[in-house]
Amino acid sequence: MPEKTLLIVAHVPSPNTGRLRDAAREGAEAAEAEGLSIRCLTPFEAGPEDVKSADALLLGTTENLGYMSGALKDFFDRIYYPCLEETQGLPYALYIRAGHDGTGTKRAVESIVGGLRWRAVEETLICRGEWQDSFLEEVRERGMLLAAGLEAGVF
């Protein structure tokens, strides 16, 4: 069975957002999916070839002034046209660390991934308001869902 790749692209400007990224990776690893490679990059590290070689993508961003992080926007600016034709249907999930409501961030990301014709496999998770440790389990579940879905051939 050929190896599949789950790519986690997460902006981690703080210790707590780093914890969220780590929770996503831990969830994917906890699925113990056979033949699955998990790659974890920041938006500045990830490029078109990383996306093209992925079988599913988990995106993580902060809410910045009602929009996605500049880092994630930079990622989309660099990968959009190189990936436009080659990654249609790519399964993805999104989590947002939002100090406020996160809806502008959600709308912005979904607009771009809609243009790329990627396929959401889970409703966007918005970790709203003051930090809560429960955010970690919710993001961990996203990682596990993607890993298990890839192994089962659901995505």
N, C-alpha and C. Protein backbone atom coordinates (compact mmCIF):
# COMPACT_ATOMS: atom_id res chain seq x y z
N MET A 1 0.85 -1.17 0.00
CA MET A 1 0.00 0.00 0.00
C MET A 1 0.90 1.24 0.00
N PRO A 2 0.71 2.15 -0.95
CA PRO A 2 1.55 3.34 -1.00
C PRO A 2 1.30 4.24 0.21
N GLU A 3 2.36 4.91 0.62
CA GLU A 3 2.25 5.81 1.77
C GLU A 3 1.44 7.05 1.39
N LYS A 4 0.59 7.48 2.32
CA LYS A 4 -0.18 8.72 2.15
C LYS A 4 0.41 9.76 3.08
N THR A 5 0.18 11.03 2.75
CA THR A 5 0.74 12.12 3.53
C THR A 5 -0.34 13.05 4.04
N LEU A 6 -0.31 13.30 5.34
CA LEU A 6 -1.13 14.33 5.96
C LEU A 6 -0.21 15.51 6.21
N LEU A 7 -0.54 16.64 5.64
CA LEU A 7 0.25 17.86 5.81
C LEU A 7 -0.49 18.78 6.77
N ILE A 8 0.19 19.14 7.86
CA ILE A 8 -0.34 20.11 8.82
C ILE A 8 0.41 21.41 8.58
N VAL A 9 -0.34 22.46 8.23
CA VAL A 9 0.25 23.78 8.02
C VAL A 9 -0.38 24.69 9.07
N ALA A 10 0.41 25.07 10.06
CA ALA A 10 -0.13 25.83 11.19
C ALA A 10 0.76 27.01 11.54
N HIS A 11 0.11 28.15 11.73
CA HIS A 11 0.80 29.35 12.18
C HIS A 11 0.90 29.28 13.70
N VAL A 12 2.11 29.44 14.24
CA VAL A 12 2.35 29.24 15.67
C VAL A 12 3.10 30.42 16.29
N PRO A 13 2.44 31.60 16.38
CA PRO A 13 3.14 32.76 16.91
C PRO A 13 3.23 32.82 18.43
N SER A 14 2.63 31.86 19.13
CA SER A 14 2.64 31.90 20.60
C SER A 14 2.77 30.47 21.14
N PRO A 15 3.10 30.36 22.43
CA PRO A 15 3.17 29.02 23.02
C PRO A 15 1.85 28.26 22.89
N ASN A 16 0.72 28.93 23.08
CA ASN A 16 -0.56 28.21 22.98
C ASN A 16 -0.87 27.75 21.56
N THR A 17 -0.54 28.56 20.55
CA THR A 17 -0.78 28.10 19.18
C THR A 17 0.18 26.97 18.83
N GLY A 18 1.36 26.98 19.43
CA GLY A 18 2.28 25.85 19.28
C GLY A 18 1.69 24.59 19.89
N ARG A 19 1.02 24.74 21.02
CA ARG A 19 0.36 23.60 21.66
C ARG A 19 -0.75 23.06 20.78
N LEU A 20 -1.48 23.94 20.09
CA LEU A 20 -2.53 23.49 19.19
C LEU A 20 -1.94 22.68 18.04
N ARG A 21 -0.88 23.20 17.44
CA ARG A 21 -0.21 22.45 16.35
C ARG A 21 0.27 21.09 16.83
N ASP A 22 0.87 21.07 18.02
CA ASP A 22 1.36 19.81 18.57
C ASP A 22 0.20 18.84 18.83
N ALA A 23 -0.95 19.37 19.28
CA ALA A 23 -2.12 18.54 19.52
C ALA A 23 -2.62 17.93 18.21
N ALA A 24 -2.58 18.71 17.13
CA ALA A 24 -3.00 18.20 15.82
C ALA A 24 -2.10 17.04 15.41
N ARG A 25 -0.81 17.20 15.56
CA ARG A 25 0.13 16.14 15.21
C ARG A 25 -0.06 14.92 16.10
N GLU A 26 -0.24 15.15 17.41
CA GLU A 26 -0.45 14.04 18.34
C GLU A 26 -1.71 13.26 17.98
N GLY A 27 -2.77 13.97 17.60
CA GLY A 27 -4.00 13.29 17.20
C GLY A 27 -3.78 12.43 15.98
N ALA A 28 -3.07 12.98 15.00
CA ALA A 28 -2.79 12.21 13.78
C ALA A 28 -1.95 10.98 14.10
N GLU A 29 -0.97 11.13 14.98
CA GLU A 29 -0.12 10.00 15.36
C GLU A 29 -0.91 8.97 16.17
N ALA A 30 -1.85 9.45 17.00
CA ALA A 30 -2.65 8.55 17.85
C ALA A 30 -3.56 7.65 17.03
N ALA A 31 -3.89 8.08 15.81
CA ALA A 31 -4.73 7.24 14.95
C ALA A 31 -4.01 5.97 14.54
N GLU A 32 -2.68 5.95 14.68
CA GLU A 32 -1.85 4.80 14.33
C GLU A 32 -2.18 4.28 12.94
N ALA A 33 -2.34 5.21 12.03
CA ALA A 33 -2.69 4.88 10.65
C ALA A 33 -1.49 4.24 9.96
N GLU A 34 -1.72 3.09 9.36
CA GLU A 34 -0.66 2.40 8.62
C GLU A 34 -0.38 3.13 7.32
N GLY A 35 0.87 3.26 6.96
CA GLY A 35 1.24 3.86 5.69
C GLY A 35 0.97 5.34 5.62
N LEU A 36 1.01 6.03 6.76
CA LEU A 36 0.73 7.46 6.79
C LEU A 36 1.96 8.23 7.25
N SER A 37 2.33 9.21 6.46
CA SER A 37 3.39 10.14 6.82
C SER A 37 2.73 11.44 7.27
N ILE A 38 3.19 11.97 8.39
CA ILE A 38 2.65 13.23 8.91
C ILE A 38 3.74 14.28 8.80
N ARG A 39 3.45 15.33 8.06
CA ARG A 39 4.39 16.44 7.91
C ARG A 39 3.78 17.66 8.57
N CYS A 40 4.57 18.38 9.34
CA CYS A 40 4.09 19.54 10.08
C CYS A 40 5.00 20.72 9.74
N LEU A 41 4.43 21.74 9.08
CA LEU A 41 5.20 22.89 8.64
C LEU A 41 4.48 24.19 9.02
N THR A 42 5.25 25.26 9.13
CA THR A 42 4.62 26.57 9.28
C THR A 42 4.20 27.03 7.89
N PRO A 43 3.31 28.02 7.81
CA PRO A 43 2.93 28.53 6.49
C PRO A 43 4.13 29.08 5.70
N PHE A 44 5.13 29.59 6.41
CA PHE A 44 6.31 30.11 5.71
C PHE A 44 7.19 29.00 5.15
N GLU A 45 7.16 27.82 5.76
CA GLU A 45 7.97 26.69 5.31
C GLU A 45 7.30 25.91 4.18
N ALA A 46 5.99 25.85 4.18
CA ALA A 46 5.25 25.03 3.22
C ALA A 46 5.16 25.73 1.87
N GLY A 47 5.29 24.94 0.82
CA GLY A 47 5.21 25.49 -0.52
C GLY A 47 4.35 24.61 -1.41
N PRO A 48 4.26 24.97 -2.69
CA PRO A 48 3.41 24.23 -3.62
C PRO A 48 3.71 22.74 -3.69
N GLU A 49 4.97 22.36 -3.68
CA GLU A 49 5.30 20.93 -3.79
C GLU A 49 4.84 20.16 -2.56
N ASP A 50 4.88 20.79 -1.40
CA ASP A 50 4.38 20.14 -0.18
C ASP A 50 2.89 19.87 -0.31
N VAL A 51 2.15 20.84 -0.82
CA VAL A 51 0.70 20.68 -0.99
C VAL A 51 0.40 19.63 -2.05
N LYS A 52 1.11 19.68 -3.16
CA LYS A 52 0.87 18.72 -4.25
C LYS A 52 1.15 17.29 -3.81
N SER A 53 2.07 17.10 -2.90
CA SER A 53 2.40 15.74 -2.45
C SER A 53 1.55 15.28 -1.27
N ALA A 54 0.66 16.12 -0.78
CA ALA A 54 -0.20 15.77 0.35
C ALA A 54 -1.49 15.10 -0.12
N ASP A 55 -1.98 14.20 0.70
CA ASP A 55 -3.26 13.54 0.44
C ASP A 55 -4.39 14.18 1.24
N ALA A 56 -4.04 14.94 2.25
CA ALA A 56 -5.00 15.72 3.05
C ALA A 56 -4.21 16.81 3.76
N LEU A 57 -4.92 17.84 4.16
CA LEU A 57 -4.29 19.03 4.73
C LEU A 57 -5.07 19.50 5.94
N LEU A 58 -4.36 19.79 7.02
CA LEU A 58 -4.97 20.42 8.19
C LEU A 58 -4.34 21.80 8.32
N LEU A 59 -5.17 22.82 8.25
CA LEU A 59 -4.72 24.20 8.33
C LEU A 59 -5.03 24.76 9.71
N GLY A 60 -4.08 25.51 10.27
CA GLY A 60 -4.29 26.17 11.55
C GLY A 60 -3.86 27.62 11.44
N THR A 61 -4.72 28.53 11.90
CA THR A 61 -4.39 29.95 11.84
C THR A 61 -4.93 30.68 13.05
N THR A 62 -4.37 31.83 13.28
CA THR A 62 -4.91 32.74 14.28
C THR A 62 -5.84 33.71 13.57
N GLU A 63 -6.70 34.32 14.35
CA GLU A 63 -7.54 35.40 13.85
C GLU A 63 -6.76 36.69 14.05
N ASN A 64 -6.50 37.40 12.97
CA ASN A 64 -5.76 38.67 13.04
C ASN A 64 -6.61 39.77 12.43
N LEU A 65 -7.10 40.65 13.27
CA LEU A 65 -7.94 41.77 12.80
C LEU A 65 -9.11 41.28 11.96
N GLY A 66 -9.73 40.18 12.39
CA GLY A 66 -10.88 39.64 11.69
C GLY A 66 -10.53 38.89 10.41
N TYR A 67 -9.26 38.53 10.24
CA TYR A 67 -8.80 37.87 9.03
C TYR A 67 -7.84 36.76 9.43
N MET A 68 -7.42 35.93 8.48
CA MET A 68 -6.42 34.90 8.76
C MET A 68 -5.08 35.56 9.05
N SER A 69 -4.16 34.79 9.59
CA SER A 69 -2.82 35.32 9.85
C SER A 69 -2.15 35.71 8.53
N GLY A 70 -1.28 36.68 8.59
CA GLY A 70 -0.51 37.07 7.41
C GLY A 70 0.33 35.91 6.89
N ALA A 71 0.77 35.05 7.81
CA ALA A 71 1.57 33.89 7.41
C ALA A 71 0.74 32.94 6.54
N LEU A 72 -0.50 32.67 6.94
CA LEU A 72 -1.33 31.77 6.14
C LEU A 72 -1.70 32.42 4.81
N LYS A 73 -1.94 33.72 4.83
CA LYS A 73 -2.24 34.43 3.58
C LYS A 73 -1.03 34.34 2.64
N ASP A 74 0.17 34.51 3.17
CA ASP A 74 1.39 34.37 2.37
C ASP A 74 1.47 32.97 1.77
N PHE A 75 1.18 31.95 2.56
CA PHE A 75 1.16 30.57 2.08
C PHE A 75 0.21 30.44 0.89
N PHE A 76 -1.01 30.93 1.04
CA PHE A 76 -1.98 30.84 -0.06
C PHE A 76 -1.51 31.62 -1.29
N ASP A 77 -0.92 32.78 -1.08
CA ASP A 77 -0.41 33.57 -2.21
C ASP A 77 0.63 32.79 -3.01
N ARG A 78 1.47 32.02 -2.30
CA ARG A 78 2.55 31.28 -2.97
C ARG A 78 2.09 29.97 -3.61
N ILE A 79 1.05 29.36 -3.05
CA ILE A 79 0.67 28.03 -3.57
C ILE A 79 -0.53 28.07 -4.50
N TYR A 80 -1.28 29.16 -4.51
CA TYR A 80 -2.57 29.18 -5.19
C TYR A 80 -2.47 28.75 -6.66
N TYR A 81 -1.76 29.51 -7.47
CA TYR A 81 -1.71 29.18 -8.90
C TYR A 81 -0.93 27.90 -9.21
N PRO A 82 0.18 27.64 -8.53
CA PRO A 82 0.87 26.38 -8.80
C PRO A 82 0.03 25.14 -8.44
N CYS A 83 -0.90 25.29 -7.50
CA CYS A 83 -1.70 24.14 -7.05
C CYS A 83 -3.11 24.11 -7.62
N LEU A 84 -3.53 25.18 -8.26
CA LEU A 84 -4.92 25.33 -8.68
C LEU A 84 -5.46 24.14 -9.45
N GLU A 85 -4.76 23.70 -10.45
CA GLU A 85 -5.26 22.60 -11.30
C GLU A 85 -4.94 21.22 -10.74
N GLU A 86 -3.88 21.12 -9.93
CA GLU A 86 -3.40 19.81 -9.51
C GLU A 86 -3.94 19.31 -8.18
N THR A 87 -4.57 20.18 -7.39
CA THR A 87 -5.00 19.74 -6.06
C THR A 87 -6.51 19.83 -5.85
N GLN A 88 -7.26 19.93 -6.91
CA GLN A 88 -8.72 20.00 -6.77
C GLN A 88 -9.22 18.75 -6.06
N GLY A 89 -10.13 18.95 -5.13
CA GLY A 89 -10.68 17.84 -4.36
C GLY A 89 -9.86 17.46 -3.14
N LEU A 90 -8.74 18.16 -2.91
CA LEU A 90 -7.88 17.84 -1.75
C LEU A 90 -8.69 17.96 -0.45
N PRO A 91 -8.76 16.90 0.35
CA PRO A 91 -9.47 16.98 1.62
C PRO A 91 -8.71 17.87 2.59
N TYR A 92 -9.44 18.72 3.30
CA TYR A 92 -8.81 19.59 4.27
C TYR A 92 -9.74 19.82 5.46
N ALA A 93 -9.13 20.25 6.55
CA ALA A 93 -9.86 20.72 7.72
C ALA A 93 -9.14 21.98 8.21
N LEU A 94 -9.85 22.79 8.97
CA LEU A 94 -9.33 24.08 9.41
C LEU A 94 -9.67 24.29 10.87
N TYR A 95 -8.67 24.78 11.63
CA TYR A 95 -8.95 25.27 12.97
C TYR A 95 -8.43 26.69 13.09
N ILE A 96 -9.15 27.49 13.86
CA ILE A 96 -8.84 28.91 14.03
C ILE A 96 -8.75 29.21 15.52
N ARG A 97 -7.68 29.84 15.92
CA ARG A 97 -7.56 30.35 17.30
C ARG A 97 -7.98 31.81 17.25
N ALA A 98 -9.18 32.08 17.75
CA ALA A 98 -9.78 33.41 17.62
C ALA A 98 -9.99 34.05 18.98
N GLY A 99 -9.49 35.25 19.13
CA GLY A 99 -9.75 36.01 20.34
C GLY A 99 -11.16 36.57 20.36
N HIS A 100 -11.74 36.71 19.18
CA HIS A 100 -13.10 37.24 19.07
C HIS A 100 -14.01 36.14 18.52
N ASP A 101 -14.67 36.39 17.38
CA ASP A 101 -15.62 35.38 16.91
C ASP A 101 -15.10 34.48 15.80
N GLY A 102 -14.05 34.87 15.08
CA GLY A 102 -13.44 34.01 14.08
C GLY A 102 -14.18 33.89 12.76
N THR A 103 -15.35 34.51 12.64
CA THR A 103 -16.14 34.31 11.42
C THR A 103 -15.50 34.96 10.20
N GLY A 104 -14.86 36.10 10.35
CA GLY A 104 -14.18 36.73 9.22
C GLY A 104 -13.01 35.88 8.74
N THR A 105 -12.31 35.30 9.68
CA THR A 105 -11.18 34.42 9.35
C THR A 105 -11.68 33.19 8.60
N LYS A 106 -12.72 32.58 9.11
CA LYS A 106 -13.32 31.40 8.49
C LYS A 106 -13.76 31.72 7.06
N ARG A 107 -14.45 32.81 6.90
CA ARG A 107 -14.94 33.22 5.58
C ARG A 107 -13.78 33.44 4.61
N ALA A 108 -12.72 34.10 5.07
CA ALA A 108 -11.57 34.38 4.20
C ALA A 108 -10.88 33.10 3.74
N VAL A 109 -10.62 32.20 4.68
CA VAL A 109 -9.95 30.93 4.31
C VAL A 109 -10.86 30.11 3.40
N GLU A 110 -12.12 30.01 3.73
CA GLU A 110 -13.03 29.21 2.92
C GLU A 110 -13.20 29.78 1.51
N SER A 111 -13.07 31.08 1.37
CA SER A 111 -13.14 31.69 0.05
C SER A 111 -11.95 31.22 -0.81
N ILE A 112 -10.77 31.21 -0.23
CA ILE A 112 -9.57 30.80 -0.97
C ILE A 112 -9.60 29.30 -1.27
N VAL A 113 -9.91 28.48 -0.27
CA VAL A 113 -9.92 27.03 -0.54
C VAL A 113 -11.07 26.66 -1.46
N GLY A 114 -12.12 27.47 -1.46
CA GLY A 114 -13.20 27.25 -2.43
C GLY A 114 -12.72 27.48 -3.84
N GLY A 115 -11.90 28.51 -4.03
CA GLY A 115 -11.30 28.77 -5.34
C GLY A 115 -10.37 27.65 -5.77
N LEU A 116 -9.68 27.07 -4.81
CA LEU A 116 -8.80 25.93 -5.09
C LEU A 116 -9.58 24.64 -5.31
N ARG A 117 -10.86 24.67 -4.96
CA ARG A 117 -11.76 23.52 -5.05
C ARG A 117 -11.34 22.38 -4.13
N TRP A 118 -10.79 22.75 -2.95
CA TRP A 118 -10.49 21.74 -1.95
C TRP A 118 -11.80 21.35 -1.28
N ARG A 119 -11.80 20.21 -0.62
CA ARG A 119 -13.02 19.65 -0.04
C ARG A 119 -12.91 19.58 1.48
N ALA A 120 -13.76 20.34 2.16
CA ALA A 120 -13.78 20.30 3.63
C ALA A 120 -14.32 18.95 4.08
N VAL A 121 -13.62 18.31 5.01
CA VAL A 121 -14.08 17.02 5.53
C VAL A 121 -14.64 17.15 6.93
N GLU A 122 -14.59 18.32 7.49
CA GLU A 122 -15.09 18.59 8.83
C GLU A 122 -15.43 20.07 8.90
N GLU A 123 -16.44 20.41 9.67
CA GLU A 123 -16.79 21.82 9.88
C GLU A 123 -15.60 22.54 10.52
N THR A 124 -15.38 23.78 10.13
CA THR A 124 -14.29 24.57 10.69
C THR A 124 -14.43 24.66 12.21
N LEU A 125 -13.33 24.44 12.90
CA LEU A 125 -13.28 24.54 14.35
C LEU A 125 -12.77 25.94 14.71
N ILE A 126 -13.56 26.68 15.46
CA ILE A 126 -13.13 27.99 15.93
C ILE A 126 -12.96 27.93 17.44
N CYS A 127 -11.73 28.08 17.88
CA CYS A 127 -11.40 28.09 19.31
C CYS A 127 -11.50 29.55 19.77
N ARG A 128 -12.69 29.93 20.26
CA ARG A 128 -13.02 31.33 20.55
C ARG A 128 -12.70 31.76 21.97
N GLY A 129 -12.38 33.05 22.09
CA GLY A 129 -12.29 33.69 23.41
C GLY A 129 -11.02 33.36 24.16
N GLU A 130 -11.13 33.47 25.47
CA GLU A 130 -9.99 33.19 26.34
C GLU A 130 -9.53 31.74 26.14
N TRP A 131 -8.23 31.52 26.35
CA TRP A 131 -7.65 30.19 26.18
C TRP A 131 -8.35 29.19 27.08
N GLN A 132 -8.63 28.02 26.50
CA GLN A 132 -9.19 26.89 27.25
C GLN A 132 -8.41 25.64 26.85
N ASP A 133 -8.05 24.84 27.82
CA ASP A 133 -7.33 23.61 27.50
C ASP A 133 -8.17 22.66 26.65
N SER A 134 -9.49 22.81 26.66
CA SER A 134 -10.35 21.96 25.82
C SER A 134 -10.08 22.17 24.34
N PHE A 135 -9.50 23.31 23.97
CA PHE A 135 -9.14 23.55 22.57
C PHE A 135 -8.18 22.47 22.09
N LEU A 136 -7.28 22.03 22.98
CA LEU A 136 -6.28 21.03 22.59
C LEU A 136 -6.94 19.73 22.16
N GLU A 137 -7.92 19.27 22.91
CA GLU A 137 -8.60 18.02 22.57
C GLU A 137 -9.38 18.17 21.27
N GLU A 138 -10.00 19.31 21.06
CA GLU A 138 -10.76 19.53 19.82
C GLU A 138 -9.85 19.50 18.59
N VAL A 139 -8.68 20.11 18.70
CA VAL A 139 -7.73 20.11 17.58
C VAL A 139 -7.12 18.73 17.42
N ARG A 140 -6.85 18.06 18.53
CA ARG A 140 -6.32 16.69 18.48
C ARG A 140 -7.28 15.79 17.70
N GLU A 141 -8.58 15.96 17.94
CA GLU A 141 -9.58 15.17 17.22
C GLU A 141 -9.54 15.44 15.71
N ARG A 142 -9.26 16.68 15.32
CA ARG A 142 -9.15 16.99 13.89
C ARG A 142 -8.01 16.21 13.26
N GLY A 143 -6.86 16.20 13.93
CA GLY A 143 -5.72 15.45 13.41
C GLY A 143 -6.03 13.97 13.30
N MET A 144 -6.69 13.43 14.32
CA MET A 144 -7.04 12.01 14.33
C MET A 144 -8.03 11.69 13.21
N LEU A 145 -9.02 12.54 13.02
CA LEU A 145 -10.03 12.34 11.97
C LEU A 145 -9.38 12.26 10.59
N LEU A 146 -8.49 13.20 10.31
CA LEU A 146 -7.84 13.20 9.00
C LEU A 146 -6.98 11.97 8.80
N ALA A 147 -6.20 11.61 9.83
CA ALA A 147 -5.32 10.45 9.71
C ALA A 147 -6.15 9.17 9.51
N ALA A 148 -7.18 8.99 10.30
CA ALA A 148 -8.01 7.80 10.20
C ALA A 148 -8.75 7.76 8.86
N GLY A 149 -9.21 8.90 8.41
CA GLY A 149 -9.90 8.96 7.11
C GLY A 149 -8.99 8.61 5.95
N LEU A 150 -7.75 9.06 6.02
CA LEU A 150 -6.79 8.70 4.97
C LEU A 150 -6.52 7.21 4.97
N GLU A 151 -6.31 6.65 6.17
CA GLU A 151 -6.00 5.22 6.26
C GLU A 151 -7.19 4.39 5.73
N ALA A 152 -8.40 4.80 6.07
CA ALA A 152 -9.59 4.05 5.67
C ALA A 152 -9.97 4.28 4.21
N GLY A 153 -9.33 5.22 3.56
CA GLY A 153 -9.65 5.52 2.18
C GLY A 153 -10.93 6.32 2.01
N VAL A 154 -11.38 6.95 3.10
CA VAL A 154 -12.60 7.77 3.07
C VAL A 154 -12.34 9.07 2.30
N PHE A 155 -11.13 9.56 2.38
CA PHE A 155 -10.77 10.80 1.67
C PHE A 155 -9.91 10.47 0.48
